[in-house]
Amino acid sequence: MSAVSLEERITALESELRTLKDEVRSMSNRKPNPNWLNEVAGSMADFPDFEEVVRLGREWRKKVNEESLAEQEIPDQ
């Protein structure tokens, strides 16, 4: 195993940090896409568990809605 000097390691880290800073800077200079939803809509359709995720989400929303409606019911006085 070759020993890498501390100076070489710091130089490598500084280089990587510069690269990361440049990437962040270029990302922050981009204007947000007003049609971002069109870019992601349907992107998970080929995901193997997509239908299961949709089913579980639907089940959860139904349960939460039922609980919410039950909480809003006013008891007879």
N, C-alpha and C. Protein backbone atom coordinates (compact mmCIF):
# COMPACT_ATOMS: atom_id res chain seq x y z
N MET A 1 0.84 -1.18 0.00
CA MET A 1 0.00 0.00 0.00
C MET A 1 0.89 1.24 0.00
N SER A 2 0.66 2.11 -0.94
CA SER A 2 1.49 3.30 -1.02
C SER A 2 0.96 4.38 -0.08
N ALA A 3 1.86 5.05 0.52
CA ALA A 3 1.48 6.13 1.44
C ALA A 3 1.32 7.42 0.64
N VAL A 4 0.15 8.01 0.77
CA VAL A 4 -0.12 9.29 0.11
C VAL A 4 0.11 10.37 1.15
N SER A 5 0.87 11.36 0.76
CA SER A 5 1.18 12.42 1.73
C SER A 5 -0.06 13.24 2.04
N LEU A 6 -0.02 13.85 3.19
CA LEU A 6 -1.12 14.71 3.61
C LEU A 6 -1.33 15.84 2.61
N GLU A 7 -0.26 16.36 2.10
CA GLU A 7 -0.35 17.45 1.13
C GLU A 7 -1.07 17.00 -0.14
N GLU A 8 -0.77 15.79 -0.61
CA GLU A 8 -1.43 15.26 -1.81
C GLU A 8 -2.91 15.03 -1.56
N ARG A 9 -3.24 14.55 -0.38
CA ARG A 9 -4.65 14.32 -0.04
C ARG A 9 -5.42 15.65 0.02
N ILE A 10 -4.79 16.66 0.61
CA ILE A 10 -5.43 17.98 0.70
C ILE A 10 -5.61 18.57 -0.69
N THR A 11 -4.61 18.42 -1.53
CA THR A 11 -4.71 18.93 -2.90
C THR A 11 -5.86 18.25 -3.64
N ALA A 12 -6.00 16.95 -3.48
CA ALA A 12 -7.10 16.21 -4.13
C ALA A 12 -8.45 16.68 -3.59
N LEU A 13 -8.54 16.88 -2.29
CA LEU A 13 -9.79 17.36 -1.69
C LEU A 13 -10.14 18.76 -2.16
N GLU A 14 -9.16 19.61 -2.24
CA GLU A 14 -9.40 20.98 -2.72
C GLU A 14 -9.89 20.97 -4.16
N SER A 15 -9.33 20.10 -4.97
CA SER A 15 -9.75 19.98 -6.36
C SER A 15 -11.20 19.51 -6.45
N GLU A 16 -11.54 18.51 -5.66
CA GLU A 16 -12.91 18.00 -5.65
C GLU A 16 -13.87 19.07 -5.14
N LEU A 17 -13.47 19.81 -4.14
CA LEU A 17 -14.31 20.89 -3.61
C LEU A 17 -14.57 21.96 -4.67
N ARG A 18 -13.53 22.32 -5.43
CA ARG A 18 -13.71 23.29 -6.51
C ARG A 18 -14.72 22.77 -7.53
N THR A 19 -14.61 21.49 -7.87
CA THR A 19 -15.53 20.89 -8.83
C THR A 19 -16.96 20.95 -8.31
N LEU A 20 -17.16 20.59 -7.05
CA LEU A 20 -18.50 20.62 -6.46
C LEU A 20 -19.06 22.04 -6.40
N LYS A 21 -18.22 22.99 -6.03
CA LYS A 21 -18.67 24.39 -5.99
C LYS A 21 -19.08 24.87 -7.37
N ASP A 22 -18.32 24.48 -8.39
CA ASP A 22 -18.67 24.88 -9.76
C ASP A 22 -20.01 24.29 -10.17
N GLU A 23 -20.25 23.03 -9.80
CA GLU A 23 -21.53 22.38 -10.13
C GLU A 23 -22.69 23.10 -9.44
N VAL A 24 -22.52 23.40 -8.16
CA VAL A 24 -23.58 24.10 -7.42
C VAL A 24 -23.83 25.48 -8.02
N ARG A 25 -22.78 26.17 -8.34
CA ARG A 25 -22.90 27.50 -8.94
C ARG A 25 -23.65 27.43 -10.26
N SER A 26 -23.32 26.45 -11.10
CA SER A 26 -24.00 26.35 -12.40
C SER A 26 -25.47 25.96 -12.22
N MET A 27 -25.77 25.16 -11.21
CA MET A 27 -27.16 24.79 -10.95
C MET A 27 -27.95 25.98 -10.44
N SER A 28 -27.35 26.81 -9.62
CA SER A 28 -28.08 27.95 -9.05
C SER A 28 -28.28 29.06 -10.08
N ASN A 29 -27.52 29.04 -11.16
CA ASN A 29 -27.67 30.06 -12.20
C ASN A 29 -28.79 29.72 -13.19
N ARG A 30 -29.26 28.47 -13.16
CA ARG A 30 -30.32 28.07 -14.09
C ARG A 30 -31.66 28.60 -13.63
N LYS A 31 -32.48 28.98 -14.59
CA LYS A 31 -33.83 29.41 -14.26
C LYS A 31 -34.69 28.16 -14.04
N PRO A 32 -35.59 28.21 -13.06
CA PRO A 32 -36.45 27.05 -12.84
C PRO A 32 -37.38 26.84 -14.04
N ASN A 33 -37.60 25.59 -14.36
CA ASN A 33 -38.47 25.25 -15.47
C ASN A 33 -39.92 25.34 -15.02
N PRO A 34 -40.72 26.22 -15.63
CA PRO A 34 -42.11 26.34 -15.19
C PRO A 34 -42.93 25.09 -15.51
N ASN A 35 -42.44 24.24 -16.41
CA ASN A 35 -43.13 23.01 -16.77
C ASN A 35 -42.45 21.78 -16.17
N TRP A 36 -41.91 21.92 -14.96
CA TRP A 36 -41.16 20.82 -14.35
C TRP A 36 -42.01 19.58 -14.19
N LEU A 37 -43.30 19.74 -13.96
CA LEU A 37 -44.15 18.57 -13.75
C LEU A 37 -44.23 17.72 -15.02
N ASN A 38 -44.23 18.38 -16.18
CA ASN A 38 -44.26 17.64 -17.44
C ASN A 38 -43.01 16.79 -17.62
N GLU A 39 -41.91 17.21 -17.04
CA GLU A 39 -40.66 16.45 -17.16
C GLU A 39 -40.67 15.19 -16.30
N VAL A 40 -41.37 15.23 -15.16
CA VAL A 40 -41.35 14.08 -14.27
C VAL A 40 -42.59 13.21 -14.38
N ALA A 41 -43.67 13.73 -14.93
CA ALA A 41 -44.91 12.96 -15.05
C ALA A 41 -44.66 11.72 -15.89
N GLY A 42 -44.99 10.58 -15.33
CA GLY A 42 -44.84 9.32 -16.05
C GLY A 42 -43.44 8.73 -16.00
N SER A 43 -42.51 9.42 -15.37
CA SER A 43 -41.13 8.93 -15.35
C SER A 43 -40.94 7.67 -14.52
N MET A 44 -41.89 7.36 -13.66
CA MET A 44 -41.78 6.16 -12.82
C MET A 44 -42.67 5.03 -13.31
N ALA A 45 -43.35 5.21 -14.41
CA ALA A 45 -44.31 4.21 -14.89
C ALA A 45 -43.66 2.85 -15.16
N ASP A 46 -42.39 2.83 -15.55
CA ASP A 46 -41.71 1.56 -15.82
C ASP A 46 -41.04 0.98 -14.59
N PHE A 47 -41.13 1.67 -13.48
CA PHE A 47 -40.56 1.19 -12.22
C PHE A 47 -41.31 -0.08 -11.81
N PRO A 48 -40.61 -1.16 -11.47
CA PRO A 48 -41.28 -2.44 -11.20
C PRO A 48 -42.38 -2.37 -10.14
N ASP A 49 -42.21 -1.57 -9.13
CA ASP A 49 -43.18 -1.53 -8.04
C ASP A 49 -44.13 -0.34 -8.13
N PHE A 50 -44.20 0.29 -9.29
CA PHE A 50 -45.01 1.49 -9.45
C PHE A 50 -46.48 1.26 -9.09
N GLU A 51 -47.07 0.21 -9.60
CA GLU A 51 -48.49 -0.04 -9.34
C GLU A 51 -48.73 -0.27 -7.85
N GLU A 52 -47.80 -0.93 -7.18
CA GLU A 52 -47.94 -1.16 -5.74
C GLU A 52 -47.86 0.16 -4.97
N VAL A 53 -46.96 1.02 -5.37
CA VAL A 53 -46.84 2.34 -4.73
C VAL A 53 -48.13 3.13 -4.92
N VAL A 54 -48.69 3.10 -6.11
CA VAL A 54 -49.94 3.81 -6.38
C VAL A 54 -51.06 3.24 -5.51
N ARG A 55 -51.15 1.91 -5.42
CA ARG A 55 -52.19 1.27 -4.61
C ARG A 55 -52.06 1.65 -3.14
N LEU A 56 -50.84 1.59 -2.62
CA LEU A 56 -50.61 1.93 -1.21
C LEU A 56 -50.94 3.40 -0.94
N GLY A 57 -50.57 4.28 -1.86
CA GLY A 57 -50.89 5.70 -1.71
C GLY A 57 -52.39 5.93 -1.70
N ARG A 58 -53.09 5.26 -2.57
CA ARG A 58 -54.55 5.39 -2.64
C ARG A 58 -55.18 4.88 -1.34
N GLU A 59 -54.69 3.74 -0.86
CA GLU A 59 -55.19 3.16 0.39
C GLU A 59 -54.98 4.12 1.57
N TRP A 60 -53.79 4.69 1.64
CA TRP A 60 -53.45 5.60 2.74
C TRP A 60 -54.34 6.84 2.69
N ARG A 61 -54.49 7.43 1.49
CA ARG A 61 -55.32 8.63 1.36
C ARG A 61 -56.76 8.35 1.76
N LYS A 62 -57.28 7.19 1.38
CA LYS A 62 -58.65 6.82 1.72
C LYS A 62 -58.81 6.73 3.24
N LYS A 63 -57.83 6.08 3.89
CA LYS A 63 -57.87 5.93 5.35
C LYS A 63 -57.82 7.29 6.04
N VAL A 64 -56.90 8.14 5.62
CA VAL A 64 -56.75 9.46 6.23
C VAL A 64 -58.01 10.29 6.03
N ASN A 65 -58.59 10.23 4.82
CA ASN A 65 -59.82 10.97 4.56
C ASN A 65 -60.96 10.48 5.44
N GLU A 66 -61.08 9.17 5.59
CA GLU A 66 -62.14 8.61 6.43
C GLU A 66 -61.96 9.05 7.89
N GLU A 67 -60.72 9.01 8.37
CA GLU A 67 -60.44 9.43 9.75
C GLU A 67 -60.75 10.91 9.93
N SER A 68 -60.40 11.71 8.95
CA SER A 68 -60.65 13.14 9.03
C SER A 68 -62.15 13.42 9.06
N LEU A 69 -62.91 12.72 8.22
CA LEU A 69 -64.36 12.90 8.21
C LEU A 69 -64.98 12.45 9.53
N ALA A 70 -64.46 11.37 10.10
CA ALA A 70 -64.98 10.87 11.37
C ALA A 70 -64.73 11.89 12.49
N GLU A 71 -63.59 12.55 12.45
CA GLU A 71 -63.27 13.55 13.47
C GLU A 71 -64.18 14.77 13.35
N GLN A 72 -64.66 15.06 12.16
CA GLN A 72 -65.49 16.24 11.93
C GLN A 72 -66.95 16.01 12.24
N GLU A 73 -67.33 14.76 12.42
CA GLU A 73 -68.74 14.46 12.72
C GLU A 73 -69.14 15.06 14.06
N ILE A 74 -70.28 15.70 14.09
CA ILE A 74 -70.78 16.33 15.31
C ILE A 74 -71.74 15.34 15.98
N PRO A 75 -71.45 14.97 17.22
CA PRO A 75 -72.33 14.01 17.89
C PRO A 75 -73.70 14.63 18.16
N ASP A 76 -74.74 13.77 18.20
CA ASP A 76 -76.10 14.24 18.50
C ASP A 76 -76.13 14.80 19.93
N GLN A 77 -76.88 15.87 20.10
CA GLN A 77 -76.96 16.47 21.43
C GLN A 77 -78.32 16.34 22.00
